[in-house]
Amino acid sequence: MDGRPGSSFWDETGDDGEVTGYQGEDTWSKTAFRVLLSGSDRFVHGPIETVSLSEAGLEKTFQGSLFMQGFSLDRLFGEGGSITVVCGPDARSLVHA
C-alpha cells in the first residue's frame, strides 16, 4: 500500500486505515492491478472463503479477496450528505443513490 512500509497479504484480514493507493499481482493468472485513491479514510481487505464437508472433514478453500474503501460522506457530498442503499428482490427497479 502506498504510504505504508512492508506488504499486506490479500488472503489475510487487514484494516490499513487511510491509504493513497494499493496494488497487487496474481502470479497464477499473470494479472496485476493498481488502484489510486483520493480522500479515502479507510481501506479494509480480507479473504473470501468457502467451507465444504468432504470425506476428510471440513475444508476451507480460498476463493478470492475483498477490497473495501471507506470515504467520509462529508468529504464526498458536503456536510449533511447521505447514501441510500436499497436491497431486495425489486431493488433493480428502484432509484439508487
PDB file of N, CA and C in Angstrom:
ATOM      1  N   MET A   1       0.822  -1.163   0.000  1.00  0.00           N
ATOM      2  CA  MET A   1       0.000   0.000   0.000  1.00  0.00           C
ATOM      3  C   MET A   1       0.877   1.241   0.000  1.00  0.00           C
ATOM      4  N   ASP A   2       0.469   2.212  -0.784  1.00  0.00           N
ATOM      5  CA  ASP A   2       1.236   3.458  -0.836  1.00  0.00           C
ATOM      6  C   ASP A   2       1.221   4.133   0.529  1.00  0.00           C
ATOM      7  N   GLY A   3       2.377   4.585   0.940  1.00  0.00           N
ATOM      8  CA  GLY A   3       2.489   5.270   2.213  1.00  0.00           C
ATOM      9  C   GLY A   3       2.643   4.344   3.402  1.00  0.00           C
ATOM     10  N   ARG A   4       2.730   3.058   3.169  1.00  0.00           N
ATOM     11  CA  ARG A   4       2.858   2.090   4.250  1.00  0.00           C
ATOM     12  C   ARG A   4       4.104   1.240   4.020  1.00  0.00           C
ATOM     13  N   PRO A   5       4.886   1.001   5.054  1.00  0.00           N
ATOM     14  CA  PRO A   5       6.039   0.115   4.888  1.00  0.00           C
ATOM     15  C   PRO A   5       5.601  -1.343   4.812  1.00  0.00           C
ATOM     16  N   GLY A   6       6.352  -2.158   4.096  1.00  0.00           N
ATOM     17  CA  GLY A   6       6.082  -3.588   4.051  1.00  0.00           C
ATOM     18  C   GLY A   6       4.938  -3.942   3.125  1.00  0.00           C
ATOM     19  N   SER A   7       4.505  -5.190   3.229  1.00  0.00           N
ATOM     20  CA  SER A   7       3.462  -5.719   2.366  1.00  0.00           C
ATOM     21  C   SER A   7       2.308  -6.247   3.194  1.00  0.00           C
ATOM     22  N   SER A   8       1.130  -6.274   2.576  1.00  0.00           N
ATOM     23  CA  SER A   8      -0.035  -6.924   3.154  1.00  0.00           C
ATOM     24  C   SER A   8      -0.346  -8.138   2.302  1.00  0.00           C
ATOM     25  N   PHE A   9      -0.899  -9.159   2.918  1.00  0.00           N
ATOM     26  CA  PHE A   9      -1.284 -10.349   2.186  1.00  0.00           C
ATOM     27  C   PHE A   9      -2.788 -10.326   2.006  1.00  0.00           C
ATOM     28  N   TRP A  10      -3.258 -10.430   0.746  1.00  0.00           N
ATOM     29  CA  TRP A  10      -4.672 -10.299   0.454  1.00  0.00           C
ATOM     30  C   TRP A  10      -5.484 -11.458   1.011  1.00  0.00           C
ATOM     31  N   ASP A  11      -4.847 -12.593   1.334  1.00  0.00           N
ATOM     32  CA  ASP A  11      -5.600 -13.704   1.905  1.00  0.00           C
ATOM     33  C   ASP A  11      -5.651 -13.625   3.432  1.00  0.00           C
ATOM     34  N   GLU A  12      -5.282 -12.473   3.991  1.00  0.00           N
ATOM     35  CA  GLU A  12      -5.386 -12.222   5.419  1.00  0.00           C
ATOM     36  C   GLU A  12      -6.256 -10.982   5.628  1.00  0.00           C
ATOM     37  N   THR A  13      -6.992 -10.952   6.724  1.00  0.00           N
ATOM     38  CA  THR A  13      -7.822  -9.804   7.042  1.00  0.00           C
ATOM     39  C   THR A  13      -6.946  -8.646   7.494  1.00  0.00           C
ATOM     40  N   GLY A  14      -7.255  -7.443   7.019  1.00  0.00           N
ATOM     41  CA  GLY A  14      -6.486  -6.271   7.412  1.00  0.00           C
ATOM     42  C   GLY A  14      -7.306  -4.999   7.348  1.00  0.00           C
ATOM     43  N   ASP A  15      -7.001  -4.066   8.234  1.00  0.00           N
ATOM     44  CA  ASP A  15      -7.604  -2.740   8.237  1.00  0.00           C
ATOM     45  C   ASP A  15      -6.449  -1.761   8.267  1.00  0.00           C
ATOM     46  N   ASP A  16      -6.150  -1.146   7.127  1.00  0.00           N
ATOM     47  CA  ASP A  16      -4.951  -0.336   6.978  1.00  0.00           C
ATOM     48  C   ASP A  16      -5.199   1.154   7.142  1.00  0.00           C
ATOM     49  N   GLY A  17      -6.410   1.551   7.559  1.00  0.00           N
ATOM     50  CA  GLY A  17      -6.676   2.969   7.758  1.00  0.00           C
ATOM     51  C   GLY A  17      -6.608   3.736   6.448  1.00  0.00           C
ATOM     52  N   GLU A  18      -6.116   4.964   6.516  1.00  0.00           N
ATOM     53  CA  GLU A  18      -6.065   5.823   5.339  1.00  0.00           C
ATOM     54  C   GLU A  18      -4.869   5.460   4.460  1.00  0.00           C
ATOM     55  N   VAL A  19      -5.123   5.198   3.188  1.00  0.00           N
ATOM     56  CA  VAL A  19      -4.063   4.903   2.228  1.00  0.00           C
ATOM     57  C   VAL A  19      -4.318   5.719   0.961  1.00  0.00           C
ATOM     58  N   THR A  20      -3.285   5.947   0.182  1.00  0.00           N
ATOM     59  CA  THR A  20      -3.430   6.694  -1.074  1.00  0.00           C
ATOM     60  C   THR A  20      -3.556   5.767  -2.278  1.00  0.00           C
ATOM     61  N   GLY A  21      -3.354   4.467  -2.084  1.00  0.00           N
ATOM     62  CA  GLY A  21      -3.488   3.519  -3.171  1.00  0.00           C
ATOM     63  C   GLY A  21      -3.052   2.140  -2.744  1.00  0.00           C
ATOM     64  N   TYR A  22      -3.353   1.161  -3.578  1.00  0.00           N
ATOM     65  CA  TYR A  22      -2.909  -0.202  -3.331  1.00  0.00           C
ATOM     66  C   TYR A  22      -2.744  -0.915  -4.664  1.00  0.00           C
ATOM     67  N   GLN A  23      -1.967  -1.964  -4.643  1.00  0.00           N
ATOM     68  CA  GLN A  23      -1.716  -2.732  -5.864  1.00  0.00           C
ATOM     69  C   GLN A  23      -1.502  -4.185  -5.496  1.00  0.00           C
ATOM     70  N   GLY A  24      -1.647  -5.022  -6.482  1.00  0.00           N
ATOM     71  CA  GLY A  24      -1.444  -6.447  -6.253  1.00  0.00           C
ATOM     72  C   GLY A  24      -1.129  -7.162  -7.539  1.00  0.00           C
ATOM     73  N   GLU A  25      -0.694  -8.393  -7.380  1.00  0.00           N
ATOM     74  CA  GLU A  25      -0.340  -9.215  -8.537  1.00  0.00           C
ATOM     75  C   GLU A  25      -0.726 -10.647  -8.234  1.00  0.00           C
ATOM     76  N   ASP A  26      -1.345 -11.298  -9.209  1.00  0.00           N
ATOM     77  CA  ASP A  26      -1.694 -12.707  -9.103  1.00  0.00           C
ATOM     78  C   ASP A  26      -0.781 -13.474 -10.048  1.00  0.00           C
ATOM     79  N   THR A  27       0.164 -14.196  -9.494  1.00  0.00           N
ATOM     80  CA  THR A  27       1.123 -14.901 -10.333  1.00  0.00           C
ATOM     81  C   THR A  27       0.484 -16.078 -11.074  1.00  0.00           C
ATOM     82  N   TRP A  28      -0.590 -16.654 -10.525  1.00  0.00           N
ATOM     83  CA  TRP A  28      -1.246 -17.785 -11.183  1.00  0.00           C
ATOM     84  C   TRP A  28      -1.905 -17.336 -12.490  1.00  0.00           C
ATOM     85  N   SER A  29      -2.680 -16.230 -12.438  1.00  0.00           N
ATOM     86  CA  SER A  29      -3.365 -15.760 -13.650  1.00  0.00           C
ATOM     87  C   SER A  29      -2.548 -14.737 -14.430  1.00  0.00           C
ATOM     88  N   LYS A  30      -1.386 -14.386 -13.891  1.00  0.00           N
ATOM     89  CA  LYS A  30      -0.498 -13.415 -14.529  1.00  0.00           C
ATOM     90  C   LYS A  30      -1.204 -12.076 -14.767  1.00  0.00           C
ATOM     91  N   THR A  31      -1.912 -11.593 -13.739  1.00  0.00           N
ATOM     92  CA  THR A  31      -2.578 -10.298 -13.810  1.00  0.00           C
ATOM     93  C   THR A  31      -2.090  -9.419 -12.663  1.00  0.00           C
ATOM     94  N   ALA A  32      -2.169  -8.134 -12.885  1.00  0.00           N
ATOM     95  CA  ALA A  32      -1.775  -7.161 -11.861  1.00  0.00           C
ATOM     96  C   ALA A  32      -2.778  -6.023 -11.867  1.00  0.00           C
ATOM     97  N   PHE A  33      -2.898  -5.349 -10.741  1.00  0.00           N
ATOM     98  CA  PHE A  33      -3.780  -4.191 -10.662  1.00  0.00           C
ATOM     99  C   PHE A  33      -3.158  -3.132  -9.762  1.00  0.00           C
ATOM    100  N   ARG A  34      -3.591  -1.892  -9.964  1.00  0.00           N
ATOM    101  CA  ARG A  34      -3.170  -0.764  -9.139  1.00  0.00           C
ATOM    102  C   ARG A  34      -4.351   0.185  -9.022  1.00  0.00           C
ATOM    103  N   VAL A  35      -4.689   0.576  -7.802  1.00  0.00           N
ATOM    104  CA  VAL A  35      -5.796   1.482  -7.537  1.00  0.00           C
ATOM    105  C   VAL A  35      -5.249   2.686  -6.782  1.00  0.00           C
ATOM    106  N   LEU A  36      -5.497   3.891  -7.304  1.00  0.00           N
ATOM    107  CA  LEU A  36      -5.101   5.127  -6.633  1.00  0.00           C
ATOM    108  C   LEU A  36      -6.345   5.753  -6.014  1.00  0.00           C
ATOM    109  N   LEU A  37      -6.239   6.189  -4.772  1.00  0.00           N
ATOM    110  CA  LEU A  37      -7.372   6.738  -4.045  1.00  0.00           C
ATOM    111  C   LEU A  37      -7.113   8.188  -3.673  1.00  0.00           C
ATOM    112  N   SER A  38      -8.137   8.989  -3.765  1.00  0.00           N
ATOM    113  CA  SER A  38      -8.051  10.383  -3.343  1.00  0.00           C
ATOM    114  C   SER A  38      -9.110  10.596  -2.269  1.00  0.00           C
ATOM    115  N   GLY A  39      -8.675  10.838  -1.047  1.00  0.00           N
ATOM    116  CA  GLY A  39      -9.618  11.115   0.030  1.00  0.00           C
ATOM    117  C   GLY A  39     -10.162   9.898   0.738  1.00  0.00           C
ATOM    118  N   SER A  40      -9.562   8.744   0.569  1.00  0.00           N
ATOM    119  CA  SER A  40     -10.024   7.554   1.269  1.00  0.00           C
ATOM    120  C   SER A  40      -9.690   7.660   2.755  1.00  0.00           C
ATOM    121  N   ASP A  41     -10.673   7.367   3.601  1.00  0.00           N
ATOM    122  CA  ASP A  41     -10.465   7.415   5.043  1.00  0.00           C
ATOM    123  C   ASP A  41     -10.081   6.064   5.630  1.00  0.00           C
ATOM    124  N   ARG A  42     -10.394   5.004   4.906  1.00  0.00           N
ATOM    125  CA  ARG A  42     -10.147   3.668   5.450  1.00  0.00           C
ATOM    126  C   ARG A  42     -10.068   2.660   4.316  1.00  0.00           C
ATOM    127  N   PHE A  43      -9.153   1.711   4.448  1.00  0.00           N
ATOM    128  CA  PHE A  43      -9.023   0.623   3.471  1.00  0.00           C
ATOM    129  C   PHE A  43      -9.013  -0.697   4.237  1.00  0.00           C
ATOM    130  N   VAL A  44      -9.944  -1.565   3.890  1.00  0.00           N
ATOM    131  CA  VAL A  44     -10.094  -2.856   4.569  1.00  0.00           C
ATOM    132  C   VAL A  44     -10.037  -3.948   3.512  1.00  0.00           C
ATOM    133  N   HIS A  45      -9.364  -5.039   3.806  1.00  0.00           N
ATOM    134  CA  HIS A  45      -9.320  -6.171   2.884  1.00  0.00           C
ATOM    135  C   HIS A  45      -9.418  -7.475   3.657  1.00  0.00           C
ATOM    136  N   GLY A  46      -9.842  -8.519   2.964  1.00  0.00           N
ATOM    137  CA  GLY A  46      -9.942  -9.823   3.601  1.00  0.00           C
ATOM    138  C   GLY A  46     -10.223 -10.903   2.586  1.00  0.00           C
ATOM    139  N   PRO A  47     -10.056 -12.141   3.001  1.00  0.00           N
ATOM    140  CA  PRO A  47     -10.266 -13.265   2.089  1.00  0.00           C
ATOM    141  C   PRO A  47     -11.743 -13.602   1.906  1.00  0.00           C
ATOM    142  N   ILE A  48     -12.077 -14.129   0.744  1.00  0.00           N
ATOM    143  CA  ILE A  48     -13.386 -14.731   0.502  1.00  0.00           C
ATOM    144  C   ILE A  48     -13.131 -16.233   0.469  1.00  0.00           C
ATOM    145  N   GLU A  49     -13.781 -16.957   1.366  1.00  0.00           N
ATOM    146  CA  GLU A  49     -13.519 -18.383   1.509  1.00  0.00           C
ATOM    147  C   GLU A  49     -14.829 -19.163   1.541  1.00  0.00           C
ATOM    148  N   THR A  50     -14.761 -20.387   1.109  1.00  0.00           N
ATOM    149  CA  THR A  50     -15.891 -21.299   1.240  1.00  0.00           C
ATOM    150  C   THR A  50     -15.483 -22.453   2.133  1.00  0.00           C
ATOM    151  N   VAL A  51     -16.468 -23.035   2.794  1.00  0.00           N
ATOM    152  CA  VAL A  51     -16.222 -24.199   3.650  1.00  0.00           C
ATOM    153  C   VAL A  51     -17.121 -25.316   3.144  1.00  0.00           C
ATOM    154  N   SER A  52     -16.544 -26.485   2.931  1.00  0.00           N
ATOM    155  CA  SER A  52     -17.321 -27.619   2.458  1.00  0.00           C
ATOM    156  C   SER A  52     -16.979 -28.858   3.294  1.00  0.00           C
ATOM    157  N   LEU A  53     -17.905 -29.789   3.280  1.00  0.00           N
ATOM    158  CA  LEU A  53     -17.706 -31.036   4.014  1.00  0.00           C
ATOM    159  C   LEU A  53     -17.292 -32.119   3.022  1.00  0.00           C
ATOM    160  N   SER A  54     -16.176 -32.751   3.296  1.00  0.00           N
ATOM    161  CA  SER A  54     -15.699 -33.827   2.428  1.00  0.00           C
ATOM    162  C   SER A  54     -15.452 -35.055   3.287  1.00  0.00           C
ATOM    163  N   GLU A  55     -14.957 -36.100   2.661  1.00  0.00           N
ATOM    164  CA  GLU A  55     -14.630 -37.320   3.413  1.00  0.00           C
ATOM    165  C   GLU A  55     -13.564 -37.055   4.460  1.00  0.00           C
ATOM    166  N   ALA A  56     -12.693 -36.074   4.205  1.00  0.00           N
ATOM    167  CA  ALA A  56     -11.627 -35.735   5.147  1.00  0.00           C
ATOM    168  C   ALA A  56     -12.114 -34.815   6.268  1.00  0.00           C
ATOM    169  N   GLY A  57     -13.357 -34.318   6.167  1.00  0.00           N
ATOM    170  CA  GLY A  57     -13.889 -33.391   7.165  1.00  0.00           C
ATOM    171  C   GLY A  57     -14.160 -32.039   6.534  1.00  0.00           C
ATOM    172  N   LEU A  58     -14.171 -30.998   7.357  1.00  0.00           N
ATOM    173  CA  LEU A  58     -14.407 -29.645   6.844  1.00  0.00           C
ATOM    174  C   LEU A  58     -13.166 -29.124   6.141  1.00  0.00           C
ATOM    175  N   GLU A  59     -13.372 -28.540   4.978  1.00  0.00           N
ATOM    176  CA  GLU A  59     -12.267 -27.970   4.208  1.00  0.00           C
ATOM    177  C   GLU A  59     -12.574 -26.529   3.857  1.00  0.00           C
ATOM    178  N   LYS A  60     -11.636 -25.642   4.140  1.00  0.00           N
ATOM    179  CA  LYS A  60     -11.781 -24.228   3.811  1.00  0.00           C
ATOM    180  C   LYS A  60     -10.956 -23.948   2.563  1.00  0.00           C
ATOM    181  N   THR A  61     -11.590 -23.300   1.568  1.00  0.00           N
ATOM    182  CA  THR A  61     -10.931 -23.013   0.301  1.00  0.00           C
ATOM    183  C   THR A  61     -10.950 -21.514   0.025  1.00  0.00           C
ATOM    184  N   PHE A  62      -9.786 -20.958  -0.267  1.00  0.00           N
ATOM    185  CA  PHE A  62      -9.672 -19.548  -0.625  1.00  0.00           C
ATOM    186  C   PHE A  62     -10.252 -19.340  -2.014  1.00  0.00           C
ATOM    187  N   GLN A  63     -11.184 -18.365  -2.157  1.00  0.00           N
ATOM    188  CA  GLN A  63     -11.829 -18.102  -3.439  1.00  0.00           C
ATOM    189  C   GLN A  63     -11.395 -16.787  -4.072  1.00  0.00           C
ATOM    190  N   GLY A  64     -10.958 -15.850  -3.256  1.00  0.00           N
ATOM    191  CA  GLY A  64     -10.586 -14.538  -3.780  1.00  0.00           C
ATOM    192  C   GLY A  64     -10.405 -13.554  -2.638  1.00  0.00           C
ATOM    193  N   SER A  65     -10.296 -12.277  -2.977  1.00  0.00           N
ATOM    194  CA  SER A  65     -10.083 -11.236  -1.983  1.00  0.00           C
ATOM    195  C   SER A  65     -11.151 -10.156  -2.089  1.00  0.00           C
ATOM    196  N   LEU A  66     -11.500  -9.583  -0.954  1.00  0.00           N
ATOM    197  CA  LEU A  66     -12.445  -8.491  -0.872  1.00  0.00           C
ATOM    198  C   LEU A  66     -11.683  -7.219  -0.542  1.00  0.00           C
ATOM    199  N   PHE A  67     -11.932  -6.141  -1.283  1.00  0.00           N
ATOM    200  CA  PHE A  67     -11.311  -4.845  -1.032  1.00  0.00           C
ATOM    201  C   PHE A  67     -12.421  -3.824  -0.813  1.00  0.00           C
ATOM    202  N   MET A  68     -12.342  -3.060   0.266  1.00  0.00           N
ATOM    203  CA  MET A  68     -13.326  -2.009   0.534  1.00  0.00           C
ATOM    204  C   MET A  68     -12.606  -0.719   0.891  1.00  0.00           C
ATOM    205  N   GLN A  69     -13.020   0.362   0.253  1.00  0.00           N
ATOM    206  CA  GLN A  69     -12.508   1.687   0.569  1.00  0.00           C
ATOM    207  C   GLN A  69     -13.610   2.446   1.296  1.00  0.00           C
ATOM    208  N   GLY A  70     -13.263   3.104   2.378  1.00  0.00           N
ATOM    209  CA  GLY A  70     -14.235   3.887   3.132  1.00  0.00           C
ATOM    210  C   GLY A  70     -13.979   5.374   2.928  1.00  0.00           C
ATOM    211  N   PHE A  71     -15.047   6.120   2.710  1.00  0.00           N
ATOM    212  CA  PHE A  71     -14.947   7.559   2.497  1.00  0.00           C
ATOM    213  C   PHE A  71     -15.912   8.273   3.432  1.00  0.00           C
ATOM    214  N   SER A  72     -15.502   9.408   3.942  1.00  0.00           N
ATOM    215  CA  SER A  72     -16.370  10.253   4.749  1.00  0.00           C
ATOM    216  C   SER A  72     -17.463  10.832   3.864  1.00  0.00           C
ATOM    217  N   LEU A  73     -18.728  10.728   4.295  1.00  0.00           N
ATOM    218  CA  LEU A  73     -19.820  11.285   3.498  1.00  0.00           C
ATOM    219  C   LEU A  73     -19.674  12.788   3.324  1.00  0.00           C
ATOM    220  N   ASP A  74     -19.199  13.472   4.368  1.00  0.00           N
ATOM    221  CA  ASP A  74     -18.987  14.917   4.242  1.00  0.00           C
ATOM    222  C   ASP A  74     -17.980  15.231   3.148  1.00  0.00           C
ATOM    223  N   ARG A  75     -16.973  14.398   3.028  1.00  0.00           N
ATOM    224  CA  ARG A  75     -15.954  14.629   2.001  1.00  0.00           C
ATOM    225  C   ARG A  75     -16.514  14.379   0.604  1.00  0.00           C
ATOM    226  N   LEU A  76     -17.407  13.395   0.477  1.00  0.00           N
ATOM    227  CA  LEU A  76     -17.978  13.069  -0.828  1.00  0.00           C
ATOM    228  C   LEU A  76     -19.079  14.033  -1.247  1.00  0.00           C
ATOM    229  N   PHE A  77     -19.991  14.365  -0.319  1.00  0.00           N
ATOM    230  CA  PHE A  77     -21.192  15.103  -0.681  1.00  0.00           C
ATOM    231  C   PHE A  77     -21.321  16.463  -0.006  1.00  0.00           C
ATOM    232  N   GLY A  78     -20.382  16.819   0.845  1.00  0.00           N
ATOM    233  CA  GLY A  78     -20.537  18.037   1.633  1.00  0.00           C
ATOM    234  C   GLY A  78     -21.257  17.706   2.934  1.00  0.00           C
ATOM    235  N   GLU A  79     -21.297  18.652   3.831  1.00  0.00           N
ATOM    236  CA  GLU A  79     -21.895  18.426   5.140  1.00  0.00           C
ATOM    237  C   GLU A  79     -23.361  18.021   5.005  1.00  0.00           C
ATOM    238  N   GLY A  80     -23.753  16.989   5.719  1.00  0.00           N
ATOM    239  CA  GLY A  80     -25.134  16.515   5.681  1.00  0.00           C
ATOM    240  C   GLY A  80     -25.419  15.561   4.535  1.00  0.00           C
ATOM    241  N   GLY A  81     -24.406  15.111   3.801  1.00  0.00           N
ATOM    242  CA  GLY A  81     -24.600  14.202   2.680  1.00  0.00           C
ATOM    243  C   GLY A  81     -25.083  12.840   3.140  1.00  0.00           C
ATOM    244  N   SER A  82     -25.659  12.071   2.227  1.00  0.00           N
ATOM    245  CA  SER A  82     -26.137  10.743   2.582  1.00  0.00           C
ATOM    246  C   SER A  82     -26.069   9.808   1.378  1.00  0.00           C
ATOM    247  N   ILE A  83     -26.130   8.528   1.685  1.00  0.00           N
ATOM    248  CA  ILE A  83     -26.198   7.473   0.666  1.00  0.00           C
ATOM    249  C   ILE A  83     -27.366   6.580   1.042  1.00  0.00           C
ATOM    250  N   THR A  84     -28.183   6.212   0.065  1.00  0.00           N
ATOM    251  CA  THR A  84     -29.283   5.291   0.295  1.00  0.00           C
ATOM    252  C   THR A  84     -28.987   3.999  -0.449  1.00  0.00           C
ATOM    253  N   VAL A  85     -29.051   2.885   0.257  1.00  0.00           N
ATOM    254  CA  VAL A  85     -28.826   1.578  -0.350  1.00  0.00           C
ATOM    255  C   VAL A  85     -30.133   0.801  -0.271  1.00  0.00           C
ATOM    256  N   VAL A  86     -30.595   0.273  -1.409  1.00  0.00           N
ATOM    257  CA  VAL A  86     -31.841  -0.470  -1.466  1.00  0.00           C
ATOM    258  C   VAL A  86     -31.520  -1.921  -1.799  1.00  0.00           C
ATOM    259  N   CYS A  87     -32.001  -2.841  -0.990  1.00  0.00           N
ATOM    260  CA  CYS A  87     -31.766  -4.271  -1.219  1.00  0.00           C
ATOM    261  C   CYS A  87     -33.101  -4.994  -1.268  1.00  0.00           C
ATOM    262  N   GLY A  88     -33.161  -6.065  -2.005  1.00  0.00           N
ATOM    263  CA  GLY A  88     -34.377  -6.856  -2.067  1.00  0.00           C
ATOM    264  C   GLY A  88     -34.655  -7.313  -3.481  1.00  0.00           C
ATOM    265  N   PRO A  89     -35.702  -8.119  -3.654  1.00  0.00           N
ATOM    266  CA  PRO A  89     -35.985  -8.686  -4.973  1.00  0.00           C
ATOM    267  C   PRO A  89     -36.344  -7.649  -6.025  1.00  0.00           C
ATOM    268  N   ASP A  90     -36.872  -6.487  -5.621  1.00  0.00           N
ATOM    269  CA  ASP A  90     -37.250  -5.467  -6.597  1.00  0.00           C
ATOM    270  C   ASP A  90     -36.281  -4.292  -6.603  1.00  0.00           C
ATOM    271  N   ALA A  91     -35.086  -4.470  -6.049  1.00  0.00           N
ATOM    272  CA  ALA A  91     -34.122  -3.366  -5.906  1.00  0.00           C
ATOM    273  C   ALA A  91     -33.683  -2.801  -7.252  1.00  0.00           C
ATOM    274  N   ARG A  92     -33.684  -3.605  -8.316  1.00  0.00           N
ATOM    275  CA  ARG A  92     -33.233  -3.100  -9.626  1.00  0.00           C
ATOM    276  C   ARG A  92     -34.183  -2.051 -10.196  1.00  0.00           C
ATOM    277  N   SER A  93     -35.445  -2.097  -9.789  1.00  0.00           N
ATOM    278  CA  SER A  93     -36.402  -1.139 -10.337  1.00  0.00           C
ATOM    279  C   SER A  93     -36.455   0.156  -9.528  1.00  0.00           C
ATOM    280  N   LEU A  94     -35.723   0.241  -8.415  1.00  0.00           N
ATOM    281  CA  LEU A  94     -35.738   1.425  -7.580  1.00  0.00           C
ATOM    282  C   LEU A  94     -34.534   2.310  -7.864  1.00  0.00           C
ATOM    283  N   VAL A  95     -34.687   3.590  -7.574  1.00  0.00           N
ATOM    284  CA  VAL A  95     -33.596   4.546  -7.765  1.00  0.00           C
ATOM    285  C   VAL A  95     -32.522   4.277  -6.730  1.00  0.00           C
ATOM    286  N   HIS A  96     -31.274   4.246  -7.165  1.00  0.00           N
ATOM    287  CA  HIS A  96     -30.130   4.033  -6.276  1.00  0.00           C
ATOM    288  C   HIS A  96     -29.370   5.344  -6.138  1.00  0.00           C
ATOM    289  N   ALA A  97     -28.880   5.616  -4.950  1.00  0.00           N
ATOM    290  CA  ALA A  97     -28.089   6.819  -4.731  1.00  0.00           C
ATOM    291  C   ALA A  97     -26.791   6.447  -4.065  1.00  0.00           C
TER     292      ALA A  97
END
